[in-house]
């Protein structure tokens, strides 16, 4: 969204209310996108095995166990 680009690159700090409204719109959009998928695809979308693999590769898992 253009709003995220503006806040990231303009150098103007984000207003708290504008940020909350932005994330509410993002959550609503995500919800409608997920609702359009079959149940098995929604679960697969929410479960990202790539994130698990990335944390093992970066060594974060080993550091947390110490």
PDB file of N, CA and C in Angstrom:
ATOM      1  N   UNK A   1       0.830  -1.177   0.000  1.00  0.00           N
ATOM      2  CA  UNK A   1       0.000   0.000   0.000  1.00  0.00           C
ATOM      3  C   UNK A   1       0.881   1.249   0.000  1.00  0.00           C
ATOM      4  N   UNK A   2       0.379   2.265  -0.586  1.00  0.00           N
ATOM      5  CA  UNK A   2       1.125   3.518  -0.679  1.00  0.00           C
ATOM      6  C   UNK A   2       1.415   4.126   0.683  1.00  0.00           C
ATOM      7  N   UNK A   3       0.505   3.906   1.620  1.00  0.00           N
ATOM      8  CA  UNK A   3       0.680   4.481   2.963  1.00  0.00           C
ATOM      9  C   UNK A   3       1.955   3.962   3.624  1.00  0.00           C
ATOM     10  N   UNK A   4       2.194   2.671   3.497  1.00  0.00           N
ATOM     11  CA  UNK A   4       3.393   2.072   4.103  1.00  0.00           C
ATOM     12  C   UNK A   4       4.650   2.644   3.460  1.00  0.00           C
ATOM     13  N   UNK A   5       4.642   2.791   2.148  1.00  0.00           N
ATOM     14  CA  UNK A   5       5.786   3.384   1.462  1.00  0.00           C
ATOM     15  C   UNK A   5       6.020   4.824   1.921  1.00  0.00           C
ATOM     16  N   UNK A   6       4.952   5.575   2.052  1.00  0.00           N
ATOM     17  CA  UNK A   6       5.079   6.969   2.469  1.00  0.00           C
ATOM     18  C   UNK A   6       5.721   7.062   3.849  1.00  0.00           C
ATOM     19  N   UNK A   7       5.225   6.272   4.787  1.00  0.00           N
ATOM     20  CA  UNK A   7       5.761   6.330   6.152  1.00  0.00           C
ATOM     21  C   UNK A   7       7.203   5.838   6.180  1.00  0.00           C
ATOM     22  N   UNK A   8       7.505   4.818   5.402  1.00  0.00           N
ATOM     23  CA  UNK A   8       8.856   4.256   5.408  1.00  0.00           C
ATOM     24  C   UNK A   8       9.886   5.198   4.791  1.00  0.00           C
ATOM     25  N   UNK A   9       9.502   5.932   3.761  1.00  0.00           N
ATOM     26  CA  UNK A   9      10.492   6.693   3.006  1.00  0.00           C
ATOM     27  C   UNK A   9      10.367   8.208   3.089  1.00  0.00           C
ATOM     28  N   UNK A  10       9.321   8.729   3.708  1.00  0.00           N
ATOM     29  CA  UNK A  10       9.126  10.178   3.709  1.00  0.00           C
ATOM     30  C   UNK A  10       9.922  10.885   4.798  1.00  0.00           C
ATOM     31  N   UNK A  11      10.243  10.181   5.855  1.00  0.00           N
ATOM     32  CA  UNK A  11      10.916  10.825   6.973  1.00  0.00           C
ATOM     33  C   UNK A  11       9.951  11.486   7.940  1.00  0.00           C
ATOM     34  N   UNK A  12       8.660  11.418   7.636  1.00  0.00           N
ATOM     35  CA  UNK A  12       7.629  11.982   8.502  1.00  0.00           C
ATOM     36  C   UNK A  12       7.142  10.874   9.431  1.00  0.00           C
ATOM     37  N   UNK A  13       7.173  11.091  10.738  1.00  0.00           N
ATOM     38  CA  UNK A  13       6.716  10.037  11.654  1.00  0.00           C
ATOM     39  C   UNK A  13       5.220   9.743  11.483  1.00  0.00           C
ATOM     40  N   UNK A  14       4.865   8.490  11.721  1.00  0.00           N
ATOM     41  CA  UNK A  14       3.477   8.066  11.568  1.00  0.00           C
ATOM     42  C   UNK A  14       2.644   8.490  12.769  1.00  0.00           C
ATOM     43  N   UNK A  15       1.434   8.893  12.491  1.00  0.00           N
ATOM     44  CA  UNK A  15       0.459   9.225  13.521  1.00  0.00           C
ATOM     45  C   UNK A  15      -0.068   7.907  14.104  1.00  0.00           C
ATOM     46  N   UNK A  16      -0.215   7.835  15.417  1.00  0.00           N
ATOM     47  CA  UNK A  16      -0.665   6.615  16.096  1.00  0.00           C
ATOM     48  C   UNK A  16      -2.028   6.139  15.573  1.00  0.00           C
ATOM     49  N   UNK A  17      -2.980   7.047  15.451  1.00  0.00           N
ATOM     50  CA  UNK A  17      -4.317   6.671  14.961  1.00  0.00           C
ATOM     51  C   UNK A  17      -4.271   6.200  13.513  1.00  0.00           C
ATOM     52  N   UNK A  18      -3.457   6.858  12.704  1.00  0.00           N
ATOM     53  CA  UNK A  18      -3.338   6.451  11.301  1.00  0.00           C
ATOM     54  C   UNK A  18      -2.719   5.058  11.202  1.00  0.00           C
ATOM     55  N   UNK A  19      -1.746   4.787  12.055  1.00  0.00           N
ATOM     56  CA  UNK A  19      -1.114   3.465  12.053  1.00  0.00           C
ATOM     57  C   UNK A  19      -2.114   2.385  12.462  1.00  0.00           C
ATOM     58  N   UNK A  20      -2.903   2.643  13.489  1.00  0.00           N
ATOM     59  CA  UNK A  20      -3.919   1.677  13.921  1.00  0.00           C
ATOM     60  C   UNK A  20      -4.948   1.434  12.831  1.00  0.00           C
ATOM     61  N   UNK A  21      -5.392   2.499  12.180  1.00  0.00           N
ATOM     62  CA  UNK A  21      -6.368   2.362  11.093  1.00  0.00           C
ATOM     63  C   UNK A  21      -5.775   1.569   9.930  1.00  0.00           C
ATOM     64  N   UNK A  22      -4.514   1.823   9.622  1.00  0.00           N
ATOM     65  CA  UNK A  22      -3.827   1.096   8.549  1.00  0.00           C
ATOM     66  C   UNK A  22      -3.820  -0.391   8.847  1.00  0.00           C
ATOM     67  N   UNK A  23      -3.402  -0.779  10.060  1.00  0.00           N
ATOM     68  CA  UNK A  23      -3.314  -2.209  10.403  1.00  0.00           C
ATOM     69  C   UNK A  23      -4.684  -2.851  10.479  1.00  0.00           C
ATOM     70  N   UNK A  24      -5.708  -2.118  10.857  1.00  0.00           N
ATOM     71  CA  UNK A  24      -7.068  -2.669  10.833  1.00  0.00           C
ATOM     72  C   UNK A  24      -7.489  -2.987   9.399  1.00  0.00           C
ATOM     73  N   UNK A  25      -7.158  -2.103   8.464  1.00  0.00           N
ATOM     74  CA  UNK A  25      -7.481  -2.361   7.051  1.00  0.00           C
ATOM     75  C   UNK A  25      -6.702  -3.564   6.532  1.00  0.00           C
ATOM     76  N   UNK A  26      -5.438  -3.674   6.929  1.00  0.00           N
ATOM     77  CA  UNK A  26      -4.624  -4.816   6.503  1.00  0.00           C
ATOM     78  C   UNK A  26      -5.209  -6.111   7.055  1.00  0.00           C
ATOM     79  N   UNK A  27      -5.594  -6.117   8.335  1.00  0.00           N
ATOM     80  CA  UNK A  27      -6.200  -7.312   8.939  1.00  0.00           C
ATOM     81  C   UNK A  27      -7.490  -7.698   8.229  1.00  0.00           C
ATOM     82  N   UNK A  28      -8.315  -6.714   7.887  1.00  0.00           N
ATOM     83  CA  UNK A  28      -9.566  -6.987   7.180  1.00  0.00           C
ATOM     84  C   UNK A  28      -9.293  -7.556   5.792  1.00  0.00           C
ATOM     85  N   UNK A  29      -8.313  -6.988   5.098  1.00  0.00           N
ATOM     86  CA  UNK A  29      -7.954  -7.479   3.772  1.00  0.00           C
ATOM     87  C   UNK A  29      -7.430  -8.910   3.853  1.00  0.00           C
ATOM     88  N   UNK A  30      -6.577  -9.176   4.811  1.00  0.00           N
ATOM     89  CA  UNK A  30      -6.032 -10.525   4.996  1.00  0.00           C
ATOM     90  C   UNK A  30      -7.157 -11.513   5.296  1.00  0.00           C
ATOM     91  N   UNK A  31      -8.089 -11.098   6.151  1.00  0.00           N
ATOM     92  CA  UNK A  31      -9.221 -11.957   6.480  1.00  0.00           C
ATOM     93  C   UNK A  31     -10.067 -12.287   5.266  1.00  0.00           C
ATOM     94  N   UNK A  32     -10.318 -11.307   4.432  1.00  0.00           N
ATOM     95  CA  UNK A  32     -11.136 -11.564   3.242  1.00  0.00           C
ATOM     96  C   UNK A  32     -10.382 -12.435   2.237  1.00  0.00           C
ATOM     97  N   UNK A  33      -9.073 -12.271   2.152  1.00  0.00           N
ATOM     98  CA  UNK A  33      -8.285 -13.123   1.252  1.00  0.00           C
ATOM     99  C   UNK A  33      -8.281 -14.569   1.748  1.00  0.00           C
ATOM    100  N   UNK A  34      -8.118 -14.752   3.050  1.00  0.00           N
ATOM    101  CA  UNK A  34      -8.127 -16.103   3.609  1.00  0.00           C
ATOM    102  C   UNK A  34      -9.510 -16.737   3.487  1.00  0.00           C
ATOM    103  N   UNK A  35     -10.555 -15.960   3.671  1.00  0.00           N
ATOM    104  CA  UNK A  35     -11.917 -16.488   3.599  1.00  0.00           C
ATOM    105  C   UNK A  35     -12.244 -17.032   2.213  1.00  0.00           C
ATOM    106  N   UNK A  36     -11.582 -16.509   1.202  1.00  0.00           N
ATOM    107  CA  UNK A  36     -11.841 -16.955  -0.165  1.00  0.00           C
ATOM    108  C   UNK A  36     -11.162 -18.294  -0.474  1.00  0.00           C
ATOM    109  N   UNK A  37     -10.294 -18.758   0.406  1.00  0.00           N
ATOM    110  CA  UNK A  37      -9.568 -20.007   0.176  1.00  0.00           C
ATOM    111  C   UNK A  37     -10.289 -21.192   0.803  1.00  0.00           C
ATOM    112  N   UNK A  38     -10.071 -22.388   0.255  1.00  0.00           N
ATOM    113  CA  UNK A  38     -10.594 -23.584   0.924  1.00  0.00           C
ATOM    114  C   UNK A  38      -9.911 -23.770   2.291  1.00  0.00           C
ATOM    115  N   UNK A  39     -10.560 -24.499   3.179  1.00  0.00           N
ATOM    116  CA  UNK A  39     -10.067 -24.658   4.547  1.00  0.00           C
ATOM    117  C   UNK A  39      -8.620 -25.164   4.601  1.00  0.00           C
ATOM    118  N   UNK A  40      -8.302 -26.206   3.832  1.00  0.00           N
ATOM    119  CA  UNK A  40      -6.946 -26.761   3.876  1.00  0.00           C
ATOM    120  C   UNK A  40      -5.912 -25.743   3.428  1.00  0.00           C
ATOM    121  N   UNK A  41      -6.280 -24.913   2.480  1.00  0.00           N
ATOM    122  CA  UNK A  41      -5.343 -23.888   1.984  1.00  0.00           C
ATOM    123  C   UNK A  41      -5.150 -22.771   3.016  1.00  0.00           C
ATOM    124  N   UNK A  42      -6.213 -22.444   3.763  1.00  0.00           N
ATOM    125  CA  UNK A  42      -6.079 -21.444   4.833  1.00  0.00           C
ATOM    126  C   UNK A  42      -5.088 -21.922   5.879  1.00  0.00           C
ATOM    127  N   UNK A  43      -5.214 -23.189   6.273  1.00  0.00           N
ATOM    128  CA  UNK A  43      -4.282 -23.736   7.269  1.00  0.00           C
ATOM    129  C   UNK A  43      -2.855 -23.745   6.723  1.00  0.00           C
ATOM    130  N   UNK A  44      -2.694 -24.151   5.487  1.00  0.00           N
ATOM    131  CA  UNK A  44      -1.365 -24.202   4.876  1.00  0.00           C
ATOM    132  C   UNK A  44      -0.752 -22.808   4.770  1.00  0.00           C
ATOM    133  N   UNK A  45      -1.589 -21.825   4.494  1.00  0.00           N
ATOM    134  CA  UNK A  45      -1.115 -20.450   4.386  1.00  0.00           C
ATOM    135  C   UNK A  45      -0.653 -19.913   5.737  1.00  0.00           C
ATOM    136  N   UNK A  46      -1.384 -20.249   6.791  1.00  0.00           N
ATOM    137  CA  UNK A  46      -1.024 -19.765   8.126  1.00  0.00           C
ATOM    138  C   UNK A  46       0.205 -20.454   8.693  1.00  0.00           C
ATOM    139  N   UNK A  47       0.430 -21.696   8.326  1.00  0.00           N
ATOM    140  CA  UNK A  47       1.570 -22.449   8.812  1.00  0.00           C
ATOM    141  C   UNK A  47       2.702 -22.331   7.809  1.00  0.00           C
ATOM    142  N   UNK A  48       3.704 -21.570   8.147  1.00  0.00           N
ATOM    143  CA  UNK A  48       4.818 -21.370   7.239  1.00  0.00           C
ATOM    144  C   UNK A  48       6.014 -22.192   7.697  1.00  0.00           C
ATOM    145  N   UNK A  49       6.252 -23.293   7.038  1.00  0.00           N
ATOM    146  CA  UNK A  49       7.404 -24.122   7.369  1.00  0.00           C
ATOM    147  C   UNK A  49       8.707 -23.423   6.986  1.00  0.00           C
ATOM    148  N   UNK A  50       8.629 -22.518   6.041  1.00  0.00           N
ATOM    149  CA  UNK A  50       9.812 -21.761   5.640  1.00  0.00           C
ATOM    150  C   UNK A  50      10.353 -20.946   6.813  1.00  0.00           C
ATOM    151  N   UNK A  51       9.463 -20.396   7.629  1.00  0.00           N
ATOM    152  CA  UNK A  51       9.905 -19.646   8.799  1.00  0.00           C
ATOM    153  C   UNK A  51      10.638 -20.540   9.782  1.00  0.00           C
ATOM    154  N   UNK A  52      10.147 -21.743   9.973  1.00  0.00           N
ATOM    155  CA  UNK A  52      10.824 -22.681  10.868  1.00  0.00           C
ATOM    156  C   UNK A  52      12.202 -23.040  10.335  1.00  0.00           C
ATOM    157  N   UNK A  53      12.291 -23.298   9.044  1.00  0.00           N
ATOM    158  CA  UNK A  53      13.563 -23.656   8.424  1.00  0.00           C
ATOM    159  C   UNK A  53      14.552 -22.493   8.529  1.00  0.00           C
ATOM    160  N   UNK A  54      14.080 -21.276   8.323  1.00  0.00           N
ATOM    161  CA  UNK A  54      14.947 -20.103   8.388  1.00  0.00           C
ATOM    162  C   UNK A  54      15.545 -19.938   9.780  1.00  0.00           C
ATOM    163  N   UNK A  55      14.745 -20.149  10.836  1.00  0.00           N
ATOM    164  CA  UNK A  55      15.258 -19.973  12.191  1.00  0.00           C
ATOM    165  C   UNK A  55      16.297 -21.037  12.520  1.00  0.00           C
ATOM    166  N   UNK A  56      16.154 -22.228  11.984  1.00  0.00           N
ATOM    167  CA  UNK A  56      17.160 -23.275  12.216  1.00  0.00           C
ATOM    168  C   UNK A  56      18.456 -22.934  11.491  1.00  0.00           C
ATOM    169  N   UNK A  57      18.350 -22.419  10.283  1.00  0.00           N
ATOM    170  CA  UNK A  57      19.525 -22.087   9.496  1.00  0.00           C
ATOM    171  C   UNK A  57      20.291 -20.913  10.084  1.00  0.00           C
ATOM    172  N   UNK A  58      19.589 -19.949  10.655  1.00  0.00           N
ATOM    173  CA  UNK A  58      20.252 -18.761  11.161  1.00  0.00           C
ATOM    174  C   UNK A  58      20.866 -18.984  12.534  1.00  0.00           C
ATOM    175  N   UNK A  59      20.563 -20.103  13.155  1.00  0.00           N
ATOM    176  CA  UNK A  59      21.158 -20.393  14.439  1.00  0.00           C
ATOM    177  C   UNK A  59      20.386 -19.833  15.633  1.00  0.00           C
ATOM    178  N   UNK A  60      19.245 -19.272  15.406  1.00  0.00           N
ATOM    179  CA  UNK A  60      18.477 -18.699  16.515  1.00  0.00           C
ATOM    180  C   UNK A  60      18.018 -19.777  17.468  1.00  0.00           C
ATOM    181  N   UNK A  61      17.700 -20.901  16.949  1.00  0.00           N
ATOM    182  CA  UNK A  61      17.177 -21.973  17.797  1.00  0.00           C
ATOM    183  C   UNK A  61      18.237 -22.406  18.819  1.00  0.00           C
ATOM    184  N   UNK A  62      19.436 -22.585  18.380  1.00  0.00           N
ATOM    185  CA  UNK A  62      20.501 -22.998  19.283  1.00  0.00           C
ATOM    186  C   UNK A  62      20.790 -21.953  20.352  1.00  0.00           C
ATOM    187  N   UNK A  63      20.712 -20.691  20.000  1.00  0.00           N
ATOM    188  CA  UNK A  63      20.973 -19.607  20.962  1.00  0.00           C
ATOM    189  C   UNK A  63      19.896 -19.549  22.031  1.00  0.00           C
ATOM    190  N   UNK A  64      18.660 -19.863  21.649  1.00  0.00           N
ATOM    191  CA  UNK A  64      17.561 -19.805  22.608  1.00  0.00           C
ATOM    192  C   UNK A  64      17.660 -20.908  23.646  1.00  0.00           C
ATOM    193  N   UNK A  65      18.269 -22.029  23.284  1.00  0.00           N
ATOM    194  CA  UNK A  65      18.334 -23.170  24.188  1.00  0.00           C
ATOM    195  C   UNK A  65      19.431 -23.021  25.230  1.00  0.00           C
ATOM    196  N   UNK A  66      20.376 -22.117  25.043  1.00  0.00           N
ATOM    197  CA  UNK A  66      21.498 -21.981  25.985  1.00  0.00           C
ATOM    198  C   UNK A  66      21.090 -21.419  27.295  1.00  0.00           C
TER     199      UNK A  66
END
